[in-house]
Amino acid sequence: MKSNPKTIAGVIVLVILAVALGFLLSKLFPTIGEVQREMSLTPTPLPDIPGSVMAVTPDPSAPTPEPVLRTGSRGDDVKTLQGRLHDLGYYADEIDGQFGAGTKAAVIDFQKANGLEADGMVGSETKAILYSPQAKPKTE
């Protein structure tokens, strides 16, 4: 039986292609397996870090909460606070716009007298009562 040169060349090309395909598949299958394994892993949640860019952005249409006044706060808001506490009899120091120990003590006294959590910080709940007609003046 005689061999046809075209048939021999075709068989050689097929063998070369089969070897190349086998080589490529031997490299591809482990990569596919690794990708599938990575995709199946449960991600580890990141801890909540204050000020982190990873924190969820609040709804932009939501109202912006008023800042809380506390020890270390300064400015006109603190002056207004000190003036109101003075008018109600809780604050006797200089109205200087600096939230220090005297202002904190006055806030705590006001909060206790008005049935609020006495934490020494002036948030929305304390402000609402402080600047309302329901604010109870200090009694001796």
N, C-alpha and C. Protein backbone atom coordinates (compact mmCIF):
# COMPACT_ATOMS: atom_id res chain seq x y z
N MET A 1 0.81 -1.15 0.00
CA MET A 1 0.00 0.00 0.00
C MET A 1 0.88 1.24 0.00
N LYS A 2 0.57 2.14 -0.91
CA LYS A 2 1.34 3.36 -1.06
C LYS A 2 0.73 4.45 -0.19
N SER A 3 1.57 5.28 0.39
CA SER A 3 1.13 6.40 1.21
C SER A 3 1.06 7.65 0.33
N ASN A 4 0.03 8.34 0.52
CA ASN A 4 -0.15 9.59 -0.20
C ASN A 4 0.56 10.68 0.60
N PRO A 5 1.44 11.48 -0.04
CA PRO A 5 2.17 12.52 0.69
C PRO A 5 1.23 13.55 1.34
N LYS A 6 0.13 13.83 0.71
CA LYS A 6 -0.81 14.81 1.29
C LYS A 6 -1.45 14.24 2.57
N THR A 7 -1.71 12.97 2.57
CA THR A 7 -2.30 12.35 3.75
C THR A 7 -1.31 12.37 4.89
N ILE A 8 -0.04 12.05 4.59
CA ILE A 8 1.00 12.06 5.63
C ILE A 8 1.16 13.47 6.19
N ALA A 9 1.17 14.49 5.35
CA ALA A 9 1.32 15.87 5.79
C ALA A 9 0.11 16.27 6.66
N GLY A 10 -1.09 15.83 6.26
CA GLY A 10 -2.29 16.14 7.03
C GLY A 10 -2.27 15.51 8.39
N VAL A 11 -1.79 14.24 8.46
CA VAL A 11 -1.70 13.55 9.74
C VAL A 11 -0.68 14.24 10.63
N ILE A 12 0.46 14.65 10.06
CA ILE A 12 1.50 15.34 10.85
C ILE A 12 0.95 16.65 11.41
N VAL A 13 0.22 17.39 10.58
CA VAL A 13 -0.36 18.66 11.05
C VAL A 13 -1.37 18.39 12.16
N LEU A 14 -2.19 17.36 12.02
CA LEU A 14 -3.16 17.03 13.06
C LEU A 14 -2.48 16.64 14.37
N VAL A 15 -1.38 15.88 14.26
CA VAL A 15 -0.63 15.49 15.47
C VAL A 15 -0.05 16.72 16.14
N ILE A 16 0.52 17.63 15.36
CA ILE A 16 1.10 18.86 15.93
C ILE A 16 0.00 19.69 16.60
N LEU A 17 -1.14 19.82 15.94
CA LEU A 17 -2.26 20.57 16.53
C LEU A 17 -2.77 19.90 17.81
N ALA A 18 -2.84 18.57 17.81
CA ALA A 18 -3.29 17.84 19.00
C ALA A 18 -2.34 18.05 20.16
N VAL A 19 -1.02 18.01 19.88
CA VAL A 19 -0.01 18.24 20.93
C VAL A 19 -0.13 19.67 21.46
N ALA A 20 -0.28 20.66 20.56
CA ALA A 20 -0.40 22.06 20.98
C ALA A 20 -1.67 22.26 21.81
N LEU A 21 -2.77 21.66 21.36
CA LEU A 21 -4.02 21.76 22.10
C LEU A 21 -3.90 21.13 23.48
N GLY A 22 -3.27 19.99 23.57
CA GLY A 22 -3.05 19.33 24.85
C GLY A 22 -2.22 20.19 25.78
N PHE A 23 -1.18 20.82 25.25
CA PHE A 23 -0.33 21.71 26.04
C PHE A 23 -1.15 22.90 26.57
N LEU A 24 -1.93 23.55 25.71
CA LEU A 24 -2.74 24.70 26.11
C LEU A 24 -3.78 24.31 27.15
N LEU A 25 -4.43 23.17 26.95
CA LEU A 25 -5.43 22.73 27.92
C LEU A 25 -4.80 22.40 29.27
N SER A 26 -3.59 21.86 29.27
CA SER A 26 -2.92 21.55 30.53
C SER A 26 -2.61 22.82 31.32
N LYS A 27 -2.44 23.93 30.64
CA LYS A 27 -2.22 25.22 31.31
C LYS A 27 -3.54 25.91 31.70
N LEU A 28 -4.58 25.67 30.90
CA LEU A 28 -5.85 26.36 31.08
C LEU A 28 -6.69 25.77 32.22
N PHE A 29 -6.74 24.46 32.35
CA PHE A 29 -7.61 23.84 33.35
C PHE A 29 -7.26 24.24 34.78
N PRO A 30 -5.99 24.26 35.18
CA PRO A 30 -5.70 24.72 36.56
C PRO A 30 -6.12 26.18 36.77
N THR A 31 -5.97 27.01 35.75
CA THR A 31 -6.36 28.41 35.87
C THR A 31 -7.87 28.52 36.05
N ILE A 32 -8.64 27.77 35.30
CA ILE A 32 -10.09 27.79 35.43
C ILE A 32 -10.50 27.33 36.82
N GLY A 33 -9.86 26.27 37.30
CA GLY A 33 -10.16 25.77 38.65
C GLY A 33 -9.85 26.80 39.72
N GLU A 34 -8.74 27.51 39.58
CA GLU A 34 -8.36 28.54 40.55
C GLU A 34 -9.36 29.70 40.54
N VAL A 35 -9.79 30.11 39.36
CA VAL A 35 -10.77 31.19 39.26
C VAL A 35 -12.08 30.77 39.91
N GLN A 36 -12.52 29.55 39.66
CA GLN A 36 -13.76 29.07 40.26
C GLN A 36 -13.65 29.01 41.78
N ARG A 37 -12.49 28.58 42.27
CA ARG A 37 -12.28 28.51 43.73
C ARG A 37 -12.31 29.91 44.33
N GLU A 38 -11.65 30.86 43.70
CA GLU A 38 -11.62 32.24 44.20
C GLU A 38 -13.02 32.85 44.22
N MET A 39 -13.79 32.56 43.19
CA MET A 39 -15.13 33.14 43.10
C MET A 39 -16.08 32.52 44.13
N SER A 40 -15.80 31.31 44.58
CA SER A 40 -16.68 30.64 45.53
C SER A 40 -16.40 31.03 46.97
N LEU A 41 -15.27 31.69 47.22
CA LEU A 41 -14.93 32.07 48.59
C LEU A 41 -15.87 33.15 49.10
N THR A 42 -16.24 33.07 50.36
CA THR A 42 -17.07 34.09 50.98
C THR A 42 -16.16 35.25 51.36
N PRO A 43 -16.49 36.46 50.92
CA PRO A 43 -15.63 37.59 51.25
C PRO A 43 -15.70 37.90 52.74
N THR A 44 -14.59 38.34 53.30
CA THR A 44 -14.52 38.73 54.69
C THR A 44 -14.97 40.19 54.78
N PRO A 45 -15.98 40.48 55.61
CA PRO A 45 -16.43 41.87 55.70
C PRO A 45 -15.36 42.74 56.34
N LEU A 46 -15.24 43.97 55.86
CA LEU A 46 -14.29 44.91 56.41
C LEU A 46 -14.86 45.52 57.68
N PRO A 47 -14.01 45.78 58.68
CA PRO A 47 -14.51 46.42 59.89
C PRO A 47 -14.91 47.86 59.57
N ASP A 48 -15.88 48.39 60.32
CA ASP A 48 -16.32 49.76 60.13
C ASP A 48 -15.28 50.68 60.74
N ILE A 49 -14.65 51.46 59.91
CA ILE A 49 -13.62 52.39 60.36
C ILE A 49 -14.19 53.80 60.23
N PRO A 50 -14.28 54.54 61.33
CA PRO A 50 -14.82 55.89 61.23
C PRO A 50 -14.02 56.73 60.24
N GLY A 51 -14.73 57.43 59.38
CA GLY A 51 -14.08 58.27 58.39
C GLY A 51 -13.54 57.50 57.20
N SER A 52 -13.82 56.22 57.13
CA SER A 52 -13.31 55.40 56.05
C SER A 52 -14.06 55.70 54.76
N VAL A 53 -13.34 55.67 53.65
CA VAL A 53 -13.99 55.85 52.35
C VAL A 53 -14.84 54.64 52.02
N MET A 54 -14.68 53.55 52.75
CA MET A 54 -15.47 52.35 52.52
C MET A 54 -16.83 52.43 53.21
N ALA A 55 -17.02 53.45 54.05
CA ALA A 55 -18.30 53.58 54.75
C ALA A 55 -19.39 53.87 53.74
N VAL A 56 -20.58 53.44 54.06
CA VAL A 56 -21.72 53.66 53.18
C VAL A 56 -22.09 55.14 53.20
N THR A 57 -22.27 55.70 52.04
CA THR A 57 -22.65 57.10 51.93
C THR A 57 -24.12 57.23 52.30
N PRO A 58 -24.44 58.15 53.21
CA PRO A 58 -25.84 58.31 53.59
C PRO A 58 -26.68 58.85 52.43
N ASP A 59 -27.97 58.70 52.58
CA ASP A 59 -28.90 59.19 51.56
C ASP A 59 -28.75 60.71 51.46
N PRO A 60 -28.41 61.22 50.27
CA PRO A 60 -28.19 62.67 50.15
C PRO A 60 -29.46 63.49 50.36
N SER A 61 -30.62 62.87 50.24
CA SER A 61 -31.87 63.61 50.45
C SER A 61 -32.26 63.66 51.93
N ALA A 62 -31.58 62.88 52.76
CA ALA A 62 -31.88 62.86 54.19
C ALA A 62 -31.42 64.17 54.82
N PRO A 63 -32.14 64.65 55.83
CA PRO A 63 -31.72 65.89 56.48
C PRO A 63 -30.39 65.71 57.21
N THR A 64 -29.57 66.72 57.16
CA THR A 64 -28.27 66.67 57.82
C THR A 64 -28.47 66.90 59.31
N PRO A 65 -27.98 65.98 60.15
CA PRO A 65 -28.15 66.19 61.59
C PRO A 65 -27.32 67.37 62.07
N GLU A 66 -27.86 68.06 63.06
CA GLU A 66 -27.13 69.17 63.64
C GLU A 66 -25.92 68.63 64.40
N PRO A 67 -24.84 69.41 64.43
CA PRO A 67 -23.66 68.93 65.17
C PRO A 67 -23.94 68.86 66.67
N VAL A 68 -23.29 67.91 67.29
CA VAL A 68 -23.40 67.74 68.74
C VAL A 68 -22.34 68.63 69.38
N LEU A 69 -22.77 69.38 70.39
CA LEU A 69 -21.82 70.20 71.14
C LEU A 69 -21.35 69.39 72.33
N ARG A 70 -20.04 69.39 72.54
CA ARG A 70 -19.46 68.61 73.63
C ARG A 70 -18.16 69.27 74.06
N THR A 71 -17.52 68.69 75.08
CA THR A 71 -16.25 69.20 75.56
C THR A 71 -15.28 69.36 74.39
N GLY A 72 -14.72 70.54 74.28
CA GLY A 72 -13.78 70.84 73.18
C GLY A 72 -14.42 71.63 72.06
N SER A 73 -15.76 71.67 72.01
CA SER A 73 -16.44 72.47 70.98
C SER A 73 -16.19 73.95 71.25
N ARG A 74 -16.16 74.73 70.16
CA ARG A 74 -15.94 76.18 70.29
C ARG A 74 -16.80 76.91 69.28
N GLY A 75 -17.05 78.18 69.56
CA GLY A 75 -17.71 79.01 68.57
C GLY A 75 -19.01 79.62 69.06
N ASP A 76 -19.72 80.20 68.10
CA ASP A 76 -20.96 80.93 68.41
C ASP A 76 -22.05 80.01 68.96
N ASP A 77 -22.10 78.78 68.47
CA ASP A 77 -23.12 77.85 68.99
C ASP A 77 -22.91 77.60 70.48
N VAL A 78 -21.64 77.54 70.90
CA VAL A 78 -21.34 77.33 72.32
C VAL A 78 -21.69 78.59 73.11
N LYS A 79 -21.43 79.76 72.53
CA LYS A 79 -21.81 81.01 73.21
C LYS A 79 -23.32 81.07 73.42
N THR A 80 -24.07 80.70 72.39
CA THR A 80 -25.53 80.69 72.49
C THR A 80 -25.98 79.71 73.57
N LEU A 81 -25.36 78.54 73.59
CA LEU A 81 -25.65 77.52 74.60
C LEU A 81 -25.37 78.06 76.00
N GLN A 82 -24.19 78.64 76.18
CA GLN A 82 -23.82 79.17 77.49
C GLN A 82 -24.79 80.28 77.92
N GLY A 83 -25.21 81.11 76.98
CA GLY A 83 -26.15 82.19 77.29
C GLY A 83 -27.49 81.64 77.75
N ARG A 84 -27.97 80.61 77.04
CA ARG A 84 -29.27 80.01 77.41
C ARG A 84 -29.18 79.33 78.77
N LEU A 85 -28.07 78.60 79.01
CA LEU A 85 -27.88 77.95 80.32
C LEU A 85 -27.76 79.00 81.42
N HIS A 86 -27.15 80.13 81.13
CA HIS A 86 -27.03 81.23 82.10
C HIS A 86 -28.41 81.80 82.41
N ASP A 87 -29.21 82.03 81.36
CA ASP A 87 -30.55 82.57 81.56
C ASP A 87 -31.41 81.64 82.42
N LEU A 88 -31.19 80.35 82.31
CA LEU A 88 -31.97 79.37 83.08
C LEU A 88 -31.36 79.11 84.46
N GLY A 89 -30.19 79.70 84.74
CA GLY A 89 -29.58 79.58 86.06
C GLY A 89 -28.60 78.42 86.23
N TYR A 90 -28.26 77.74 85.16
CA TYR A 90 -27.35 76.59 85.26
C TYR A 90 -25.88 76.96 85.07
N TYR A 91 -25.62 78.08 84.41
CA TYR A 91 -24.24 78.43 84.05
C TYR A 91 -23.92 79.80 84.60
N ALA A 92 -22.83 79.89 85.38
CA ALA A 92 -22.47 81.16 86.00
C ALA A 92 -21.10 81.66 85.54
N ASP A 93 -20.38 80.89 84.75
CA ASP A 93 -19.06 81.29 84.30
C ASP A 93 -19.14 82.29 83.14
N GLU A 94 -17.97 82.68 82.65
CA GLU A 94 -17.89 83.62 81.52
C GLU A 94 -18.42 82.96 80.24
N ILE A 95 -19.18 83.72 79.48
CA ILE A 95 -19.68 83.23 78.19
C ILE A 95 -18.58 83.51 77.17
N ASP A 96 -17.79 82.45 76.91
CA ASP A 96 -16.59 82.62 76.08
C ASP A 96 -16.58 81.77 74.81
N GLY A 97 -17.60 80.96 74.60
CA GLY A 97 -17.67 80.14 73.39
C GLY A 97 -16.79 78.90 73.43
N GLN A 98 -16.31 78.54 74.62
CA GLN A 98 -15.47 77.35 74.75
C GLN A 98 -16.19 76.36 75.68
N PHE A 99 -16.46 75.17 75.14
CA PHE A 99 -17.18 74.14 75.90
C PHE A 99 -16.17 73.42 76.77
N GLY A 100 -16.06 73.89 78.03
CA GLY A 100 -15.13 73.28 78.97
C GLY A 100 -15.88 72.57 80.09
N ALA A 101 -15.17 72.38 81.20
CA ALA A 101 -15.73 71.64 82.33
C ALA A 101 -16.95 72.33 82.92
N GLY A 102 -16.93 73.67 83.01
CA GLY A 102 -18.06 74.40 83.57
C GLY A 102 -19.31 74.27 82.70
N THR A 103 -19.12 74.34 81.40
CA THR A 103 -20.26 74.20 80.49
C THR A 103 -20.80 72.79 80.56
N LYS A 104 -19.91 71.81 80.61
CA LYS A 104 -20.35 70.42 80.70
C LYS A 104 -21.15 70.17 81.97
N ALA A 105 -20.68 70.70 83.09
CA ALA A 105 -21.39 70.53 84.37
C ALA A 105 -22.77 71.18 84.30
N ALA A 106 -22.86 72.34 83.66
CA ALA A 106 -24.15 73.03 83.52
C ALA A 106 -25.09 72.22 82.64
N VAL A 107 -24.56 71.65 81.58
CA VAL A 107 -25.39 70.83 80.67
C VAL A 107 -25.91 69.60 81.43
N ILE A 108 -25.04 68.95 82.18
CA ILE A 108 -25.46 67.77 82.94
C ILE A 108 -26.55 68.13 83.94
N ASP A 109 -26.39 69.27 84.65
CA ASP A 109 -27.42 69.70 85.60
C ASP A 109 -28.74 69.95 84.87
N PHE A 110 -28.68 70.62 83.72
CA PHE A 110 -29.89 70.89 82.94
C PHE A 110 -30.54 69.58 82.49
N GLN A 111 -29.73 68.65 82.00
CA GLN A 111 -30.27 67.38 81.52
C GLN A 111 -30.95 66.61 82.64
N LYS A 112 -30.33 66.58 83.81
CA LYS A 112 -30.93 65.88 84.95
C LYS A 112 -32.26 66.52 85.34
N ALA A 113 -32.29 67.84 85.40
CA ALA A 113 -33.49 68.56 85.83
C ALA A 113 -34.63 68.42 84.83
N ASN A 114 -34.29 68.12 83.57
CA ASN A 114 -35.31 68.05 82.52
C ASN A 114 -35.57 66.64 82.03
N GLY A 115 -35.13 65.64 82.81
CA GLY A 115 -35.44 64.25 82.51
C GLY A 115 -34.74 63.70 81.27
N LEU A 116 -33.58 64.24 80.95
CA LEU A 116 -32.80 63.77 79.81
C LEU A 116 -31.64 62.90 80.26
N GLU A 117 -31.08 62.16 79.33
CA GLU A 117 -29.86 61.40 79.64
C GLU A 117 -28.75 62.40 79.93
N ALA A 118 -28.19 62.32 81.13
CA ALA A 118 -27.18 63.29 81.56
C ALA A 118 -25.80 62.86 81.10
N ASP A 119 -25.52 63.09 79.81
CA ASP A 119 -24.22 62.71 79.25
C ASP A 119 -23.29 63.90 79.03
N GLY A 120 -23.79 65.11 79.27
CA GLY A 120 -22.95 66.30 79.12
C GLY A 120 -22.75 66.73 77.68
N MET A 121 -23.46 66.11 76.76
CA MET A 121 -23.37 66.49 75.35
C MET A 121 -24.71 67.07 74.92
N VAL A 122 -24.64 68.07 74.04
CA VAL A 122 -25.85 68.74 73.60
C VAL A 122 -26.16 68.31 72.17
N GLY A 123 -27.04 67.32 72.06
CA GLY A 123 -27.50 66.84 70.76
C GLY A 123 -28.88 67.40 70.48
N SER A 124 -29.55 66.82 69.50
CA SER A 124 -30.84 67.36 69.06
C SER A 124 -31.90 67.30 70.16
N GLU A 125 -31.92 66.24 70.96
CA GLU A 125 -32.95 66.12 72.00
C GLU A 125 -32.75 67.18 73.09
N THR A 126 -31.49 67.34 73.53
CA THR A 126 -31.21 68.35 74.56
C THR A 126 -31.48 69.74 74.01
N LYS A 127 -31.08 70.01 72.76
CA LYS A 127 -31.32 71.33 72.17
C LYS A 127 -32.81 71.62 72.07
N ALA A 128 -33.59 70.63 71.69
CA ALA A 128 -35.03 70.85 71.52
C ALA A 128 -35.66 71.32 72.82
N ILE A 129 -35.28 70.72 73.93
CA ILE A 129 -35.87 71.12 75.22
C ILE A 129 -35.22 72.40 75.74
N LEU A 130 -33.92 72.53 75.57
CA LEU A 130 -33.20 73.70 76.08
C LEU A 130 -33.74 75.00 75.51
N TYR A 131 -34.04 75.01 74.22
CA TYR A 131 -34.50 76.24 73.57
C TYR A 131 -36.02 76.32 73.45
N SER A 132 -36.73 75.51 74.24
CA SER A 132 -38.18 75.52 74.21
C SER A 132 -38.72 76.19 75.49
N PRO A 133 -39.99 76.55 75.46
CA PRO A 133 -40.59 77.11 76.68
C PRO A 133 -40.71 76.07 77.80
N GLN A 134 -40.59 74.79 77.48
CA GLN A 134 -40.69 73.73 78.49
C GLN A 134 -39.41 73.55 79.30
N ALA A 135 -38.33 74.24 78.94
CA ALA A 135 -37.06 74.12 79.66
C ALA A 135 -37.25 74.58 81.10
N LYS A 136 -36.90 73.70 82.03
CA LYS A 136 -37.07 74.02 83.45
C LYS A 136 -35.85 74.80 83.94
N PRO A 137 -36.09 75.95 84.57
CA PRO A 137 -34.96 76.70 85.14
C PRO A 137 -34.43 75.99 86.39
N LYS A 138 -33.21 76.34 86.73
CA LYS A 138 -32.58 75.72 87.91
C LYS A 138 -33.27 76.22 89.17
N THR A 139 -33.53 75.29 90.06
CA THR A 139 -34.12 75.64 91.35
C THR A 139 -33.09 75.35 92.43
N GLU A 140 -33.02 76.25 93.37
CA GLU A 140 -32.04 76.06 94.45
C GLU A 140 -32.66 75.34 95.61
